[in-house]
Every structure is written in C-alpha cells, then in structure tokens.
Amino acid sequence: MRNANYVPVLIDLLSQFRSMEFNDNYRFICTRLPVEHDSVGGITGLPDDVREKIYDVAYYYQVFAALTALGVLQDQHIIVVLRDRIIHVWEAIEPFVLVERESAHHTGPFLFRNLEEFAKKAKEMPSTTVDRFMRGLPMKGRRQIIAPRPRRK
C-alpha cells in the first residue's frame, strides 16, 4: 500500500464481508446463477433482483481490482485474501458479462474488465501462497506470489 491513509478505506471495504446480504448474494451468484439463468440475454436480460445481486458483488470486487490497477494497493496483498472469491465470482458472471459486452448498448466493451484481469492474476497465485498466508507464515518471494508486471518505458 503506497499510503497509510488508505488503511481505513481498505478496512471499511473488507467489512462488507460481515453483511449477511452480501454473503447471500455471493452464494447465489456462485451456486445458483449459472444453474438457474441462461446467459443469452447478458446481465440486462436477467430479472432485476438477480442483476442487483451481480452488481452488488461484482462491483465490490471490481473496486479492489481498480485500486490495484491504479497502483494504490499491491495485487498480491489483496489477492491473497480474496483469491478464491474473486475467481468464483468471475467464473459465474463471465458468460453474462461477455454477452453484455457484445451488445454494448449501455456498458461497452470494458464492463468488469478490471475484475476479469484481477481474476486471471488470482488464478496465477498458487494456493500454497494463500495457505501460507492463512497460517501466518511468510509468503516467500514476490516472484512466487504473482509474476511482476513489466515496467513501462
């Protein structure tokens, strides 16, 4: 984290996990959405209550993705905490998002693009890294966490 002033914001963001509604929405997206709804109409084609669940959860994780893309937070520090959830959410909503991007009426081609890239990075992080973090052990070198981004010239 570049600036300690972001700590309260990060703590506030992570406090969302205490919400039963958020956890219910997450569970719905990961378990019921792919089974109960067809992606043919994208997100727009879903019932209002389902769209609300998707936007609630997906934009929550998109905030973390955007903060890492902006360099406010380091990828590995957030991904180690949210890895599985990021992956599960993206996998569940991906077909709906891809259809939505193609229609591009309101969202355009970049809907949840930060989240998509964040999920790719999360998949690259070995589960052993998460396990070490959860057990309070050092996460070893940065190279083992996520390959560093190439520097711009």
C-alpha atoms as a PDB file:
ATOM      1  CA  MET A   1       0.000   0.000   0.000  1.00  0.00           C
ATOM      2  CA  ARG A   2       1.517   3.311  -1.019  1.00  0.00           C
ATOM      3  CA  ASN A   3      -0.084   5.455   1.617  1.00  0.00           C
ATOM      4  CA  ALA A   4      -1.256   4.613   5.115  1.00  0.00           C
ATOM      5  CA  ASN A   5      -4.255   6.903   4.562  1.00  0.00           C
ATOM      6  CA  TYR A   6      -5.809   4.074   2.547  1.00  0.00           C
ATOM      7  CA  VAL A   7      -5.856   1.686   5.505  1.00  0.00           C
ATOM      8  CA  PRO A   8      -9.225   2.928   6.859  1.00  0.00           C
ATOM      9  CA  VAL A   9     -10.746   2.673   3.380  1.00  0.00           C
ATOM     10  CA  LEU A  10      -9.430  -0.858   2.967  1.00  0.00           C
ATOM     11  CA  ILE A  11     -10.751  -1.895   6.369  1.00  0.00           C
ATOM     12  CA  ASP A  12     -14.120  -0.392   5.502  1.00  0.00           C
ATOM     13  CA  LEU A  13     -14.200  -2.268   2.195  1.00  0.00           C
ATOM     14  CA  LEU A  14     -13.309  -5.559   3.832  1.00  0.00           C
ATOM     15  CA  SER A  15     -16.008  -5.038   6.477  1.00  0.00           C
ATOM     16  CA  GLN A  16     -18.581  -5.797   3.766  1.00  0.00           C
ATOM     17  CA  PHE A  17     -17.909  -9.477   4.495  1.00  0.00           C
ATOM     18  CA  ARG A  18     -19.866  -9.094   7.725  1.00  0.00           C
ATOM     19  CA  SER A  19     -23.052  -8.424   5.784  1.00  0.00           C
ATOM     20  CA  MET A  20     -25.391 -11.391   5.538  1.00  0.00           C
ATOM     21  CA  GLU A  21     -26.965  -9.892   2.421  1.00  0.00           C
ATOM     22  CA  PHE A  22     -23.586  -9.615   0.679  1.00  0.00           C
ATOM     23  CA  ASN A  23     -22.729 -13.219   1.550  1.00  0.00           C
ATOM     24  CA  ASP A  24     -26.149 -14.417   0.390  1.00  0.00           C
ATOM     25  CA  ASN A  25     -25.674 -12.541  -2.893  1.00  0.00           C
ATOM     26  CA  TYR A  26     -22.213 -14.053  -3.311  1.00  0.00           C
ATOM     27  CA  ARG A  27     -23.544 -17.554  -2.670  1.00  0.00           C
ATOM     28  CA  PHE A  28     -26.387 -17.011  -5.161  1.00  0.00           C
ATOM     29  CA  ILE A  29     -24.002 -15.840  -7.879  1.00  0.00           C
ATOM     30  CA  CYS A  30     -21.584 -18.701  -7.412  1.00  0.00           C
ATOM     31  CA  THR A  31     -24.083 -21.534  -6.982  1.00  0.00           C
ATOM     32  CA  ARG A  32     -27.459 -20.634  -8.441  1.00  0.00           C
ATOM     33  CA  LEU A  33     -26.856 -18.054 -11.180  1.00  0.00           C
ATOM     34  CA  PRO A  34     -25.153 -20.447 -13.627  1.00  0.00           C
ATOM     35  CA  VAL A  35     -27.785 -23.129 -12.984  1.00  0.00           C
ATOM     36  CA  GLU A  36     -30.986 -21.085 -12.902  1.00  0.00           C
ATOM     37  CA  HIS A  37     -30.307 -18.482 -15.599  1.00  0.00           C
ATOM     38  CA  ASP A  38     -29.169 -18.543 -19.211  1.00  0.00           C
ATOM     39  CA  SER A  39     -26.524 -16.026 -20.254  1.00  0.00           C
ATOM     40  CA  VAL A  40     -28.078 -15.437 -23.681  1.00  0.00           C
ATOM     41  CA  GLY A  41     -29.531 -12.061 -22.636  1.00  0.00           C
ATOM     42  CA  GLY A  42     -26.430 -10.937 -20.761  1.00  0.00           C
ATOM     43  CA  ILE A  43     -26.864  -9.157 -17.458  1.00  0.00           C
ATOM     44  CA  THR A  44     -29.513  -6.851 -18.899  1.00  0.00           C
ATOM     45  CA  GLY A  45     -31.741  -9.827 -19.693  1.00  0.00           C
ATOM     46  CA  LEU A  46     -31.846 -11.036 -16.102  1.00  0.00           C
ATOM     47  CA  PRO A  47     -34.577 -10.220 -13.570  1.00  0.00           C
ATOM     48  CA  ASP A  48     -33.983  -7.055 -11.539  1.00  0.00           C
ATOM     49  CA  ASP A  49     -33.237  -8.900  -8.293  1.00  0.00           C
ATOM     50  CA  VAL A  50     -30.588 -11.049  -9.989  1.00  0.00           C
ATOM     51  CA  ARG A  51     -28.959  -8.040 -11.670  1.00  0.00           C
ATOM     52  CA  GLU A  52     -28.859  -6.316  -8.297  1.00  0.00           C
ATOM     53  CA  LYS A  53     -27.013  -9.280  -6.770  1.00  0.00           C
ATOM     54  CA  ILE A  54     -24.497  -9.337  -9.625  1.00  0.00           C
ATOM     55  CA  TYR A  55     -23.807  -5.618  -9.453  1.00  0.00           C
ATOM     56  CA  ASP A  56     -23.545  -5.683  -5.659  1.00  0.00           C
ATOM     57  CA  VAL A  57     -20.935  -8.427  -5.596  1.00  0.00           C
ATOM     58  CA  ALA A  58     -19.078  -7.904  -8.868  1.00  0.00           C
ATOM     59  CA  TYR A  59     -18.597  -4.165  -8.396  1.00  0.00           C
ATOM     60  CA  TYR A  60     -17.389  -4.814  -4.861  1.00  0.00           C
ATOM     61  CA  TYR A  61     -14.526  -6.927  -6.195  1.00  0.00           C
ATOM     62  CA  GLN A  62     -14.081  -4.540  -9.124  1.00  0.00           C
ATOM     63  CA  VAL A  63     -13.183  -1.815  -6.594  1.00  0.00           C
ATOM     64  CA  PHE A  64     -10.250  -3.905  -5.358  1.00  0.00           C
ATOM     65  CA  ALA A  65      -9.244  -4.628  -8.947  1.00  0.00           C
ATOM     66  CA  ALA A  66      -9.343  -0.928  -9.802  1.00  0.00           C
ATOM     67  CA  LEU A  67      -7.324   0.021  -6.724  1.00  0.00           C
ATOM     68  CA  THR A  68      -4.607  -2.438  -7.725  1.00  0.00           C
ATOM     69  CA  ALA A  69      -4.710  -1.300 -11.364  1.00  0.00           C
ATOM     70  CA  LEU A  70      -4.208   2.275 -10.158  1.00  0.00           C
ATOM     71  CA  GLY A  71      -1.287   1.179  -8.008  1.00  0.00           C
ATOM     72  CA  VAL A  72      -2.980   2.139  -4.748  1.00  0.00           C
ATOM     73  CA  LEU A  73      -2.830  -1.449  -3.487  1.00  0.00           C
ATOM     74  CA  GLN A  74      -0.461  -4.241  -4.425  1.00  0.00           C
ATOM     75  CA  ASP A  75      -2.066  -7.149  -6.250  1.00  0.00           C
ATOM     76  CA  GLN A  76      -0.592  -9.863  -4.092  1.00  0.00           C
ATOM     77  CA  HIS A  77      -1.716  -8.256  -0.836  1.00  0.00           C
ATOM     78  CA  ILE A  78      -5.365  -8.237  -1.874  1.00  0.00           C
ATOM     79  CA  ILE A  79      -5.434 -11.401  -3.949  1.00  0.00           C
ATOM     80  CA  VAL A  80      -4.017 -13.496  -1.127  1.00  0.00           C
ATOM     81  CA  VAL A  81      -7.049 -12.512   0.964  1.00  0.00           C
ATOM     82  CA  LEU A  82      -9.741 -12.661  -1.744  1.00  0.00           C
ATOM     83  CA  ARG A  83      -8.328 -15.192  -4.230  1.00  0.00           C
ATOM     84  CA  ASP A  84     -10.997 -17.890  -4.288  1.00  0.00           C
ATOM     85  CA  ARG A  85     -13.894 -15.464  -4.106  1.00  0.00           C
ATOM     86  CA  ILE A  86     -12.555 -13.384  -6.998  1.00  0.00           C
ATOM     87  CA  ILE A  87     -12.141 -16.490  -9.134  1.00  0.00           C
ATOM     88  CA  HIS A  88     -15.580 -17.915  -8.289  1.00  0.00           C
ATOM     89  CA  VAL A  89     -17.403 -14.647  -8.929  1.00  0.00           C
ATOM     90  CA  TRP A  90     -15.707 -14.076 -12.261  1.00  0.00           C
ATOM     91  CA  GLU A  91     -16.313 -17.644 -13.434  1.00  0.00           C
ATOM     92  CA  ALA A  92     -20.009 -17.359 -12.572  1.00  0.00           C
ATOM     93  CA  ILE A  93     -20.627 -13.988 -14.233  1.00  0.00           C
ATOM     94  CA  GLU A  94     -18.223 -14.264 -17.172  1.00  0.00           C
ATOM     95  CA  PRO A  95     -20.741 -15.659 -19.711  1.00  0.00           C
ATOM     96  CA  PHE A  96     -23.225 -12.921 -18.811  1.00  0.00           C
ATOM     97  CA  VAL A  97     -20.572 -10.205 -18.994  1.00  0.00           C
ATOM     98  CA  LEU A  98     -19.286 -11.382 -22.379  1.00  0.00           C
ATOM     99  CA  VAL A  99     -22.800 -11.239 -23.849  1.00  0.00           C
ATOM    100  CA  GLU A 100     -23.308  -7.824 -22.277  1.00  0.00           C
ATOM    101  CA  ARG A 101     -20.060  -6.526 -23.779  1.00  0.00           C
ATOM    102  CA  GLU A 102     -21.085  -7.747 -27.220  1.00  0.00           C
ATOM    103  CA  SER A 103     -24.422  -5.936 -27.048  1.00  0.00           C
ATOM    104  CA  ALA A 104     -22.551  -2.813 -25.881  1.00  0.00           C
ATOM    105  CA  HIS A 105     -25.770  -0.785 -25.673  1.00  0.00           C
ATOM    106  CA  HIS A 106     -25.068   0.711 -22.294  1.00  0.00           C
ATOM    107  CA  THR A 107     -21.905  -0.847 -20.962  1.00  0.00           C
ATOM    108  CA  GLY A 108     -19.451  -1.010 -23.824  1.00  0.00           C
ATOM    109  CA  PRO A 109     -16.601  -3.470 -24.219  1.00  0.00           C
ATOM    110  CA  PHE A 110     -14.972  -2.755 -20.862  1.00  0.00           C
ATOM    111  CA  LEU A 111     -17.637  -3.917 -18.429  1.00  0.00           C
ATOM    112  CA  PHE A 112     -15.862  -5.588 -15.483  1.00  0.00           C
ATOM    113  CA  ARG A 113     -12.562  -5.625 -17.418  1.00  0.00           C
ATOM    114  CA  ASN A 114     -10.569  -4.855 -14.259  1.00  0.00           C
ATOM    115  CA  LEU A 115     -12.317  -7.722 -12.478  1.00  0.00           C
ATOM    116  CA  GLU A 116     -11.555 -10.082 -15.353  1.00  0.00           C
ATOM    117  CA  GLU A 117      -7.842  -9.235 -15.246  1.00  0.00           C
ATOM    118  CA  PHE A 118      -7.849  -9.469 -11.458  1.00  0.00           C
ATOM    119  CA  ALA A 119      -9.354 -12.972 -11.666  1.00  0.00           C
ATOM    120  CA  LYS A 120      -6.621 -14.005 -14.122  1.00  0.00           C
ATOM    121  CA  LYS A 121      -3.974 -12.842 -11.649  1.00  0.00           C
ATOM    122  CA  ALA A 122      -5.782 -14.627  -8.829  1.00  0.00           C
ATOM    123  CA  LYS A 123      -5.666 -17.883 -10.803  1.00  0.00           C
ATOM    124  CA  GLU A 124      -1.908 -17.419 -11.239  1.00  0.00           C
ATOM    125  CA  MET A 125      -1.367 -17.257  -7.484  1.00  0.00           C
ATOM    126  CA  PRO A 126      -0.600 -20.714  -6.138  1.00  0.00           C
ATOM    127  CA  SER A 127      -2.986 -21.943  -3.477  1.00  0.00           C
ATOM    128  CA  THR A 128       0.083 -22.733  -1.366  1.00  0.00           C
ATOM    129  CA  THR A 129       0.728 -18.977  -1.126  1.00  0.00           C
ATOM    130  CA  VAL A 130      -2.765 -18.440   0.265  1.00  0.00           C
ATOM    131  CA  ASP A 131      -2.307 -21.367   2.642  1.00  0.00           C
ATOM    132  CA  ARG A 132       0.978 -19.929   3.955  1.00  0.00           C
ATOM    133  CA  PHE A 133      -0.673 -16.529   4.467  1.00  0.00           C
ATOM    134  CA  MET A 134      -3.650 -18.041   6.302  1.00  0.00           C
ATOM    135  CA  ARG A 135      -1.299 -19.926   8.624  1.00  0.00           C
ATOM    136  CA  GLY A 136       0.658 -16.724   9.352  1.00  0.00           C
ATOM    137  CA  LEU A 137       3.764 -17.893   7.538  1.00  0.00           C
ATOM    138  CA  PRO A 138       5.867 -15.687   5.259  1.00  0.00           C
ATOM    139  CA  MET A 139       4.629 -15.716   1.681  1.00  0.00           C
ATOM    140  CA  LYS A 140       8.189 -16.063   0.322  1.00  0.00           C
ATOM    141  CA  GLY A 141       9.461 -14.016  -2.585  1.00  0.00           C
ATOM    142  CA  ARG A 142       7.261 -11.792  -4.712  1.00  0.00           C
ATOM    143  CA  ARG A 143       8.091 -13.929  -7.721  1.00  0.00           C
ATOM    144  CA  GLN A 144       6.199 -16.836  -6.176  1.00  0.00           C
ATOM    145  CA  ILE A 145       3.146 -14.730  -5.463  1.00  0.00           C
ATOM    146  CA  ILE A 146       2.453 -13.183  -8.863  1.00  0.00           C
ATOM    147  CA  ALA A 147       4.806 -12.513 -11.714  1.00  0.00           C
ATOM    148  CA  PRO A 148       5.704  -8.801 -11.648  1.00  0.00           C
ATOM    149  CA  ARG A 149       4.240  -6.543 -14.316  1.00  0.00           C
ATOM    150  CA  PRO A 150       6.646  -5.355 -16.987  1.00  0.00           C
ATOM    151  CA  ARG A 151       7.796  -1.809 -16.362  1.00  0.00           C
ATOM    152  CA  ARG A 152       6.688   0.866 -18.811  1.00  0.00           C
ATOM    153  CA  LYS A 153       9.384   2.850 -20.516  1.00  0.00           C
END
